[in-house]
Amino acid sequence: MINVSERIEEIKLLNQFNLDSRANGIKVHSHEAAPEVVAAAERLFNKGLTDHVDGGYLTELGVEAATHAQSLMRLLAD
């Protein structure tokens, strides 16, 4: 069964990546971030979307996912 709240946390993280520059990653600090954010970062890594368990940089698949997530946010904002 799909856990919608987990997917939302993953989408929120994907929306934090700057797609204009592949040189910018994100870092999820386990001692500062909420447990659901830490878990979302780990799931993105396990799915092959990021290169580190605590965020890091997007993989090619991650760029595709983040592009879709960010496009959806722009569509919903209008």
C-alpha atoms as a PDB file:
ATOM      1  CA  MET A   1       0.000   0.000   0.000  1.00  0.00           C
ATOM      2  CA  ILE A   2       1.259   3.464  -0.884  1.00  0.00           C
ATOM      3  CA  ASN A   3       1.969   5.725   2.058  1.00  0.00           C
ATOM      4  CA  VAL A   4       0.907   9.134   0.746  1.00  0.00           C
ATOM      5  CA  SER A   5       2.608  11.102   3.522  1.00  0.00           C
ATOM      6  CA  GLU A   6       5.935   9.409   2.693  1.00  0.00           C
ATOM      7  CA  ARG A   7       5.562  10.263  -1.014  1.00  0.00           C
ATOM      8  CA  ILE A   8       4.745  13.880  -0.111  1.00  0.00           C
ATOM      9  CA  GLU A   9       7.937  14.140   1.969  1.00  0.00           C
ATOM     10  CA  GLU A  10       9.934  12.742  -0.954  1.00  0.00           C
ATOM     11  CA  ILE A  11       8.343  15.242  -3.357  1.00  0.00           C
ATOM     12  CA  LYS A  12       9.070  18.078  -0.945  1.00  0.00           C
ATOM     13  CA  LEU A  13      12.739  17.087  -0.894  1.00  0.00           C
ATOM     14  CA  LEU A  14      12.886  16.784  -4.686  1.00  0.00           C
ATOM     15  CA  ASN A  15      11.516  20.322  -4.887  1.00  0.00           C
ATOM     16  CA  GLN A  16      14.467  21.628  -2.864  1.00  0.00           C
ATOM     17  CA  PHE A  17      17.009  20.729  -5.550  1.00  0.00           C
ATOM     18  CA  ASN A  18      18.195  23.510  -7.849  1.00  0.00           C
ATOM     19  CA  LEU A  19      17.796  22.104 -11.352  1.00  0.00           C
ATOM     20  CA  ASP A  20      19.651  25.062 -12.884  1.00  0.00           C
ATOM     21  CA  SER A  21      22.954  23.757 -11.539  1.00  0.00           C
ATOM     22  CA  ARG A  22      23.909  20.136 -11.005  1.00  0.00           C
ATOM     23  CA  ALA A  23      26.690  21.410  -8.715  1.00  0.00           C
ATOM     24  CA  ASN A  24      24.159  22.150  -5.957  1.00  0.00           C
ATOM     25  CA  GLY A  25      23.043  19.327  -3.733  1.00  0.00           C
ATOM     26  CA  ILE A  26      21.217  19.219  -0.438  1.00  0.00           C
ATOM     27  CA  LYS A  27      22.222  17.945   2.985  1.00  0.00           C
ATOM     28  CA  VAL A  28      19.699  16.514   5.436  1.00  0.00           C
ATOM     29  CA  HIS A  29      21.177  16.730   8.926  1.00  0.00           C
ATOM     30  CA  SER A  30      19.790  13.842  10.944  1.00  0.00           C
ATOM     31  CA  HIS A  31      20.282  15.712  14.230  1.00  0.00           C
ATOM     32  CA  GLU A  32      18.364  18.786  12.970  1.00  0.00           C
ATOM     33  CA  ALA A  33      15.789  17.548  10.452  1.00  0.00           C
ATOM     34  CA  ALA A  34      12.465  15.977  11.331  1.00  0.00           C
ATOM     35  CA  PRO A  35      12.504  12.165  11.309  1.00  0.00           C
ATOM     36  CA  GLU A  36      10.146  12.038   8.322  1.00  0.00           C
ATOM     37  CA  VAL A  37      12.546  14.211   6.289  1.00  0.00           C
ATOM     38  CA  VAL A  38      15.516  12.022   7.209  1.00  0.00           C
ATOM     39  CA  ALA A  39      13.514   8.945   6.211  1.00  0.00           C
ATOM     40  CA  ALA A  40      12.476  10.568   2.912  1.00  0.00           C
ATOM     41  CA  ALA A  41      16.116  11.321   2.072  1.00  0.00           C
ATOM     42  CA  GLU A  42      17.011   7.687   2.749  1.00  0.00           C
ATOM     43  CA  ARG A  43      14.162   6.445   0.538  1.00  0.00           C
ATOM     44  CA  LEU A  44      15.243   8.724  -2.328  1.00  0.00           C
ATOM     45  CA  PHE A  45      18.747   7.281  -2.033  1.00  0.00           C
ATOM     46  CA  ASN A  46      17.421   3.706  -1.936  1.00  0.00           C
ATOM     47  CA  LYS A  47      15.373   4.416  -5.071  1.00  0.00           C
ATOM     48  CA  GLY A  48      18.490   5.644  -6.865  1.00  0.00           C
ATOM     49  CA  LEU A  49      17.366   9.264  -7.075  1.00  0.00           C
ATOM     50  CA  THR A  50      20.222  10.722  -5.001  1.00  0.00           C
ATOM     51  CA  ASP A  51      23.830   9.699  -4.520  1.00  0.00           C
ATOM     52  CA  HIS A  52      23.940   9.902  -0.705  1.00  0.00           C
ATOM     53  CA  VAL A  53      21.640   8.664   2.016  1.00  0.00           C
ATOM     54  CA  ASP A  54      21.498  12.169   3.530  1.00  0.00           C
ATOM     55  CA  GLY A  55      20.711  13.986   0.289  1.00  0.00           C
ATOM     56  CA  GLY A  56      23.746  14.724  -1.811  1.00  0.00           C
ATOM     57  CA  TYR A  57      23.277  15.205  -5.531  1.00  0.00           C
ATOM     58  CA  LEU A  58      20.598  14.011  -7.891  1.00  0.00           C
ATOM     59  CA  THR A  59      21.317  11.070 -10.150  1.00  0.00           C
ATOM     60  CA  GLU A  60      20.080  11.126 -13.752  1.00  0.00           C
ATOM     61  CA  LEU A  61      16.876   9.435 -12.575  1.00  0.00           C
ATOM     62  CA  GLY A  62      16.671  11.947  -9.734  1.00  0.00           C
ATOM     63  CA  VAL A  63      16.918  14.872 -12.157  1.00  0.00           C
ATOM     64  CA  GLU A  64      14.011  13.416 -14.106  1.00  0.00           C
ATOM     65  CA  ALA A  65      11.948  12.944 -10.933  1.00  0.00           C
ATOM     66  CA  ALA A  66      12.775  16.415  -9.604  1.00  0.00           C
ATOM     67  CA  THR A  67      11.913  17.965 -12.966  1.00  0.00           C
ATOM     68  CA  HIS A  68       8.484  16.346 -12.859  1.00  0.00           C
ATOM     69  CA  ALA A  69       7.929  17.282  -9.203  1.00  0.00           C
ATOM     70  CA  GLN A  70       8.901  20.897  -9.790  1.00  0.00           C
ATOM     71  CA  SER A  71       6.803  21.103 -12.959  1.00  0.00           C
ATOM     72  CA  LEU A  72       3.790  19.834 -11.034  1.00  0.00           C
ATOM     73  CA  MET A  73       4.295  22.480  -8.369  1.00  0.00           C
ATOM     74  CA  ARG A  74       4.411  25.218 -11.034  1.00  0.00           C
ATOM     75  CA  LEU A  75       1.238  23.869 -12.678  1.00  0.00           C
ATOM     76  CA  LEU A  76      -0.626  23.762  -9.380  1.00  0.00           C
ATOM     77  CA  ALA A  77       0.501  27.284  -8.467  1.00  0.00           C
ATOM     78  CA  ASP A  78      -1.201  28.835 -11.485  1.00  0.00           C
END
